[in-house]
Structure formats: structure tokens, C-alpha cells
Amino acid sequence: MPDGEYVIVEEFVDGTFTKYINNDGGICESQEDELVQKAECLTHFSYIQSKKQVMVVDIQGVGFNLFDPEIASAVLVSESEVMFAAGNLSEFIETHFSYGPAKGSYIP
């Protein structure tokens, strides 16, 4: 590229792009869908394994090919990282543990 410019190139993925879990942890599709359940499981696992400090959110892609996830943190690291703050954990926790597959589960 001229003048030291940069570009980002991503592989083309054929199929319908679907968002399963939002940046704020909100469930975007029916919780009856197998891929949504697996995405919820990944978010749940990351939350429990990190001792409730982080969770993988913004899960999206084509089928089982997932792209561009984000990590939400229980602690606000800087003011410029508001999307990764503790408030973003609460919507997933409320939905997943109150209404979703983990309904009634103990949260360690």
C-alpha cells in the first residue's frame, strides 16, 4: 500500500451470518436453537472458569464458524473500555440463570 497505509483482509465466509450473543451478553436468537445453547455454554464456561471475572460475549458467525468475539470484564479497566465493564455481565447472568438452560443453577 502506498504511504504506509494498512488494510485488513478477512476470509470470505459463505452462509448466513448470525449473532447468537450480543456485546452486553443478551441472547439474540431462540434459546431452543442448538448453536445458541452452545454459545451460551461458552459464555457460561468462561464466566465460571475465570471466577466471575470475565466472559466471552458478542458470539457471532456462520454455523459453528465463529468470529470477532469480545471479552467482558467484571472490572472497568479504563473509561474508554465501557463496553467491557461489569454492567455487560449482568444481562447474560439474568437471562441465562433465570430463564435459560441454567435456570435455577447455583452460581458459584
N, C-alpha and C. Protein backbone atom coordinates (compact mmCIF):
# COMPACT_ATOMS: atom_id res chain seq x y z
N MET A 1 0.83 -1.17 0.00
CA MET A 1 0.00 0.00 0.00
C MET A 1 0.89 1.25 0.00
N PRO A 2 0.48 2.26 -0.71
CA PRO A 2 1.27 3.50 -0.74
C PRO A 2 1.22 4.23 0.60
N ASP A 3 2.26 4.97 0.87
CA ASP A 3 2.32 5.83 2.06
C ASP A 3 2.14 5.07 3.38
N GLY A 4 2.52 3.81 3.42
CA GLY A 4 2.44 3.05 4.66
C GLY A 4 1.04 2.78 5.16
N GLU A 5 0.05 2.81 4.28
CA GLU A 5 -1.33 2.53 4.68
C GLU A 5 -1.51 1.04 4.93
N TYR A 6 -2.42 0.71 5.80
CA TYR A 6 -2.70 -0.67 6.13
C TYR A 6 -4.15 -1.01 5.80
N VAL A 7 -4.38 -2.27 5.49
CA VAL A 7 -5.73 -2.76 5.29
C VAL A 7 -5.88 -4.08 6.03
N ILE A 8 -7.10 -4.41 6.37
CA ILE A 8 -7.38 -5.70 6.99
C ILE A 8 -8.20 -6.51 6.01
N VAL A 9 -7.78 -7.73 5.77
CA VAL A 9 -8.48 -8.61 4.84
C VAL A 9 -8.95 -9.83 5.62
N GLU A 10 -10.23 -10.14 5.49
CA GLU A 10 -10.78 -11.32 6.14
C GLU A 10 -11.24 -12.31 5.09
N GLU A 11 -11.14 -13.57 5.43
CA GLU A 11 -11.60 -14.63 4.55
C GLU A 11 -13.11 -14.53 4.34
N PHE A 12 -13.57 -14.75 3.10
CA PHE A 12 -14.99 -14.75 2.81
C PHE A 12 -15.61 -16.02 3.40
N VAL A 13 -16.70 -15.86 4.09
CA VAL A 13 -17.40 -16.99 4.68
C VAL A 13 -18.78 -17.05 4.05
N ASP A 14 -19.05 -18.14 3.37
CA ASP A 14 -20.33 -18.31 2.68
C ASP A 14 -21.39 -18.78 3.68
N GLY A 15 -22.55 -18.19 3.64
CA GLY A 15 -23.65 -18.59 4.51
C GLY A 15 -24.28 -17.39 5.19
N THR A 16 -25.26 -17.67 6.02
CA THR A 16 -25.98 -16.62 6.73
C THR A 16 -25.27 -16.31 8.04
N PHE A 17 -24.87 -15.05 8.19
CA PHE A 17 -24.19 -14.59 9.39
C PHE A 17 -25.22 -14.35 10.48
N THR A 18 -25.02 -14.95 11.66
CA THR A 18 -25.98 -14.84 12.76
C THR A 18 -25.27 -14.40 14.03
N LYS A 19 -25.89 -13.50 14.77
CA LYS A 19 -25.37 -13.09 16.07
C LYS A 19 -26.13 -13.90 17.12
N TYR A 20 -25.39 -14.65 17.95
CA TYR A 20 -26.00 -15.50 18.97
C TYR A 20 -26.09 -14.80 20.32
N ILE A 21 -25.00 -14.11 20.70
CA ILE A 21 -24.95 -13.39 21.97
C ILE A 21 -24.38 -12.00 21.70
N ASN A 22 -25.08 -10.97 22.18
CA ASN A 22 -24.70 -9.57 21.98
C ASN A 22 -23.47 -9.18 22.79
N ASN A 23 -22.99 -7.94 22.54
CA ASN A 23 -21.87 -7.39 23.31
C ASN A 23 -22.18 -7.31 24.80
N ASP A 24 -23.46 -7.09 25.12
CA ASP A 24 -23.84 -6.95 26.52
C ASP A 24 -24.28 -8.28 27.14
N GLY A 25 -24.09 -9.37 26.42
CA GLY A 25 -24.46 -10.68 26.94
C GLY A 25 -25.89 -11.09 26.65
N GLY A 26 -26.65 -10.22 25.99
CA GLY A 26 -28.04 -10.55 25.65
C GLY A 26 -28.12 -11.65 24.61
N ILE A 27 -29.07 -12.55 24.77
CA ILE A 27 -29.27 -13.65 23.83
C ILE A 27 -30.05 -13.10 22.63
N CYS A 28 -29.54 -13.32 21.42
CA CYS A 28 -30.13 -12.72 20.21
C CYS A 28 -31.10 -13.63 19.47
N GLU A 29 -31.00 -14.91 19.65
CA GLU A 29 -31.84 -15.87 18.93
C GLU A 29 -32.59 -16.72 19.95
N SER A 30 -33.42 -17.63 19.46
CA SER A 30 -34.19 -18.52 20.33
C SER A 30 -33.25 -19.41 21.15
N GLN A 31 -33.54 -19.52 22.44
CA GLN A 31 -32.72 -20.38 23.29
C GLN A 31 -32.97 -21.86 23.01
N GLU A 32 -33.89 -22.16 22.13
CA GLU A 32 -34.13 -23.54 21.72
C GLU A 32 -33.13 -23.98 20.65
N ASP A 33 -32.47 -23.01 19.99
CA ASP A 33 -31.53 -23.29 18.91
C ASP A 33 -30.24 -23.90 19.47
N GLU A 34 -29.77 -24.98 18.85
CA GLU A 34 -28.57 -25.68 19.33
C GLU A 34 -27.34 -24.77 19.35
N LEU A 35 -27.16 -23.95 18.31
CA LEU A 35 -25.99 -23.07 18.27
C LEU A 35 -26.06 -21.99 19.36
N VAL A 36 -27.25 -21.51 19.65
CA VAL A 36 -27.42 -20.54 20.74
C VAL A 36 -27.06 -21.20 22.07
N GLN A 37 -27.50 -22.43 22.27
CA GLN A 37 -27.18 -23.15 23.50
C GLN A 37 -25.68 -23.35 23.66
N LYS A 38 -25.00 -23.67 22.56
CA LYS A 38 -23.54 -23.85 22.62
C LYS A 38 -22.84 -22.52 22.89
N ALA A 39 -23.33 -21.44 22.29
CA ALA A 39 -22.76 -20.11 22.55
C ALA A 39 -22.96 -19.73 24.01
N GLU A 40 -24.16 -20.00 24.54
CA GLU A 40 -24.43 -19.74 25.96
C GLU A 40 -23.49 -20.55 26.84
N CYS A 41 -23.26 -21.78 26.46
CA CYS A 41 -22.37 -22.66 27.23
C CYS A 41 -20.95 -22.10 27.26
N LEU A 42 -20.47 -21.59 26.12
CA LEU A 42 -19.14 -20.99 26.06
C LEU A 42 -19.05 -19.77 26.97
N THR A 43 -20.07 -18.93 26.92
CA THR A 43 -20.09 -17.74 27.77
C THR A 43 -20.14 -18.13 29.25
N HIS A 44 -21.00 -19.09 29.58
CA HIS A 44 -21.13 -19.60 30.95
C HIS A 44 -19.79 -20.17 31.43
N PHE A 45 -19.18 -21.02 30.61
CA PHE A 45 -17.91 -21.65 30.95
C PHE A 45 -16.83 -20.59 31.23
N SER A 46 -16.72 -19.60 30.35
CA SER A 46 -15.69 -18.57 30.53
C SER A 46 -15.92 -17.78 31.82
N TYR A 47 -17.17 -17.56 32.17
CA TYR A 47 -17.52 -16.83 33.39
C TYR A 47 -17.14 -17.63 34.64
N ILE A 48 -17.51 -18.90 34.66
CA ILE A 48 -17.22 -19.75 35.83
C ILE A 48 -15.72 -20.01 35.95
N GLN A 49 -15.06 -20.35 34.83
CA GLN A 49 -13.62 -20.66 34.86
C GLN A 49 -12.78 -19.46 35.29
N SER A 50 -13.25 -18.26 34.99
CA SER A 50 -12.49 -17.06 35.36
C SER A 50 -12.85 -16.56 36.76
N LYS A 51 -13.60 -17.36 37.50
CA LYS A 51 -14.06 -16.99 38.85
C LYS A 51 -14.87 -15.69 38.80
N LYS A 52 -15.76 -15.60 37.79
CA LYS A 52 -16.69 -14.49 37.59
C LYS A 52 -16.00 -13.17 37.28
N GLN A 53 -14.82 -13.23 36.66
CA GLN A 53 -14.08 -12.01 36.32
C GLN A 53 -14.27 -11.58 34.86
N VAL A 54 -14.42 -12.54 33.95
CA VAL A 54 -14.61 -12.22 32.52
C VAL A 54 -15.58 -13.20 31.90
N MET A 55 -16.13 -12.82 30.75
CA MET A 55 -16.91 -13.76 29.96
C MET A 55 -16.77 -13.41 28.49
N VAL A 56 -16.78 -14.44 27.66
CA VAL A 56 -16.74 -14.26 26.22
C VAL A 56 -18.16 -13.90 25.77
N VAL A 57 -18.31 -12.76 25.09
CA VAL A 57 -19.60 -12.31 24.59
C VAL A 57 -19.45 -11.93 23.12
N ASP A 58 -20.48 -11.37 22.54
CA ASP A 58 -20.50 -10.96 21.14
C ASP A 58 -20.16 -12.16 20.25
N ILE A 59 -20.84 -13.27 20.52
CA ILE A 59 -20.60 -14.51 19.77
C ILE A 59 -21.47 -14.50 18.53
N GLN A 60 -20.81 -14.61 17.37
CA GLN A 60 -21.50 -14.49 16.09
C GLN A 60 -20.74 -15.26 15.03
N GLY A 61 -21.43 -15.61 13.96
CA GLY A 61 -20.77 -16.29 12.87
C GLY A 61 -21.72 -17.00 11.94
N VAL A 62 -21.16 -17.93 11.19
CA VAL A 62 -21.92 -18.75 10.24
C VAL A 62 -21.81 -20.18 10.73
N GLY A 63 -22.90 -20.71 11.26
CA GLY A 63 -22.86 -22.06 11.81
C GLY A 63 -21.88 -22.12 12.97
N PHE A 64 -21.00 -23.13 12.95
CA PHE A 64 -20.01 -23.29 14.01
C PHE A 64 -18.74 -22.49 13.76
N ASN A 65 -18.68 -21.73 12.66
CA ASN A 65 -17.54 -20.84 12.39
C ASN A 65 -17.84 -19.50 13.06
N LEU A 66 -17.20 -19.25 14.18
CA LEU A 66 -17.49 -18.06 14.98
C LEU A 66 -16.39 -17.02 14.79
N PHE A 67 -16.79 -15.73 14.80
CA PHE A 67 -15.86 -14.65 14.52
C PHE A 67 -16.04 -13.48 15.47
N ASP A 68 -14.96 -12.75 15.70
CA ASP A 68 -14.97 -11.44 16.33
C ASP A 68 -15.62 -11.41 17.72
N PRO A 69 -15.25 -12.34 18.61
CA PRO A 69 -15.83 -12.29 19.97
C PRO A 69 -15.22 -11.14 20.76
N GLU A 70 -15.84 -10.80 21.86
CA GLU A 70 -15.30 -9.81 22.79
C GLU A 70 -15.23 -10.44 24.17
N ILE A 71 -14.42 -9.85 25.01
CA ILE A 71 -14.32 -10.31 26.40
C ILE A 71 -14.82 -9.19 27.30
N ALA A 72 -15.88 -9.46 28.04
CA ALA A 72 -16.43 -8.51 29.01
C ALA A 72 -15.78 -8.78 30.36
N SER A 73 -15.42 -7.73 31.05
CA SER A 73 -14.71 -7.84 32.32
C SER A 73 -15.58 -7.35 33.48
N ALA A 74 -15.37 -7.94 34.64
CA ALA A 74 -16.10 -7.52 35.84
C ALA A 74 -15.57 -6.18 36.35
N VAL A 75 -14.40 -5.78 35.89
CA VAL A 75 -13.77 -4.54 36.34
C VAL A 75 -13.56 -3.61 35.16
N LEU A 76 -13.93 -2.34 35.31
CA LEU A 76 -13.69 -1.34 34.28
C LEU A 76 -12.22 -0.96 34.33
N VAL A 77 -11.48 -1.30 33.27
CA VAL A 77 -10.04 -1.05 33.24
C VAL A 77 -9.75 0.41 32.92
N SER A 78 -10.48 0.97 31.96
CA SER A 78 -10.32 2.38 31.63
C SER A 78 -11.65 2.92 31.12
N GLU A 79 -11.80 4.23 31.17
CA GLU A 79 -13.05 4.86 30.74
C GLU A 79 -13.35 4.59 29.27
N SER A 80 -12.32 4.34 28.45
CA SER A 80 -12.53 4.09 27.02
C SER A 80 -13.03 2.67 26.76
N GLU A 81 -13.10 1.84 27.77
CA GLU A 81 -13.50 0.45 27.61
C GLU A 81 -14.86 0.16 28.24
N VAL A 82 -15.78 1.10 28.12
CA VAL A 82 -17.09 0.95 28.76
C VAL A 82 -17.80 -0.32 28.31
N MET A 83 -17.66 -0.72 27.04
CA MET A 83 -18.34 -1.92 26.55
C MET A 83 -17.89 -3.18 27.28
N PHE A 84 -16.74 -3.12 27.93
CA PHE A 84 -16.19 -4.30 28.58
C PHE A 84 -16.37 -4.26 30.09
N ALA A 85 -17.28 -3.43 30.57
CA ALA A 85 -17.46 -3.22 32.00
C ALA A 85 -18.41 -4.22 32.63
N ALA A 86 -18.48 -4.17 33.94
CA ALA A 86 -19.27 -5.12 34.72
C ALA A 86 -20.74 -5.15 34.33
N GLY A 87 -21.31 -4.02 33.96
CA GLY A 87 -22.71 -3.99 33.59
C GLY A 87 -23.04 -4.91 32.43
N ASN A 88 -22.06 -5.18 31.60
CA ASN A 88 -22.28 -6.06 30.46
C ASN A 88 -22.38 -7.52 30.86
N LEU A 89 -21.96 -7.86 32.05
CA LEU A 89 -22.09 -9.23 32.53
C LEU A 89 -23.51 -9.51 33.01
N SER A 90 -24.17 -8.47 33.50
CA SER A 90 -25.45 -8.68 34.18
C SER A 90 -26.58 -9.18 33.29
N GLU A 91 -26.66 -8.72 32.04
CA GLU A 91 -27.77 -9.18 31.19
C GLU A 91 -27.66 -10.67 30.90
N PHE A 92 -26.45 -11.15 30.60
CA PHE A 92 -26.28 -12.58 30.37
C PHE A 92 -26.63 -13.37 31.62
N ILE A 93 -26.13 -12.95 32.76
CA ILE A 93 -26.38 -13.67 34.01
C ILE A 93 -27.87 -13.75 34.29
N GLU A 94 -28.57 -12.62 34.13
CA GLU A 94 -30.02 -12.59 34.38
C GLU A 94 -30.76 -13.53 33.44
N THR A 95 -30.47 -13.45 32.15
CA THR A 95 -31.17 -14.27 31.16
C THR A 95 -30.82 -15.74 31.30
N HIS A 96 -29.54 -16.03 31.40
CA HIS A 96 -29.06 -17.41 31.39
C HIS A 96 -29.45 -18.18 32.65
N PHE A 97 -29.29 -17.55 33.81
CA PHE A 97 -29.54 -18.25 35.06
C PHE A 97 -30.99 -18.15 35.53
N SER A 98 -31.76 -17.22 34.97
CA SER A 98 -33.16 -17.08 35.37
C SER A 98 -34.13 -17.74 34.40
N TYR A 99 -33.80 -17.69 33.11
CA TYR A 99 -34.75 -18.18 32.10
C TYR A 99 -34.16 -19.22 31.15
N GLY A 100 -32.85 -19.24 31.01
CA GLY A 100 -32.20 -20.08 30.01
C GLY A 100 -31.88 -21.47 30.51
N PRO A 101 -30.93 -22.12 29.82
CA PRO A 101 -30.57 -23.50 30.13
C PRO A 101 -30.09 -23.72 31.55
N ALA A 102 -29.54 -22.69 32.18
CA ALA A 102 -29.02 -22.84 33.54
C ALA A 102 -30.03 -22.38 34.59
N LYS A 103 -31.29 -22.29 34.21
CA LYS A 103 -32.34 -21.81 35.12
C LYS A 103 -32.28 -22.59 36.44
N GLY A 104 -32.21 -21.85 37.52
CA GLY A 104 -32.19 -22.46 38.84
C GLY A 104 -30.83 -22.99 39.25
N SER A 105 -29.82 -22.85 38.39
CA SER A 105 -28.49 -23.34 38.72
C SER A 105 -27.85 -22.48 39.79
N TYR A 106 -27.00 -23.10 40.54
CA TYR A 106 -26.20 -22.39 41.54
C TYR A 106 -25.09 -21.65 40.82
N ILE A 107 -24.88 -20.39 41.16
CA ILE A 107 -23.77 -19.63 40.60
C ILE A 107 -22.68 -19.59 41.66
N PRO A 108 -21.59 -20.35 41.47
CA PRO A 108 -20.54 -20.41 42.50
C PRO A 108 -19.87 -19.07 42.71
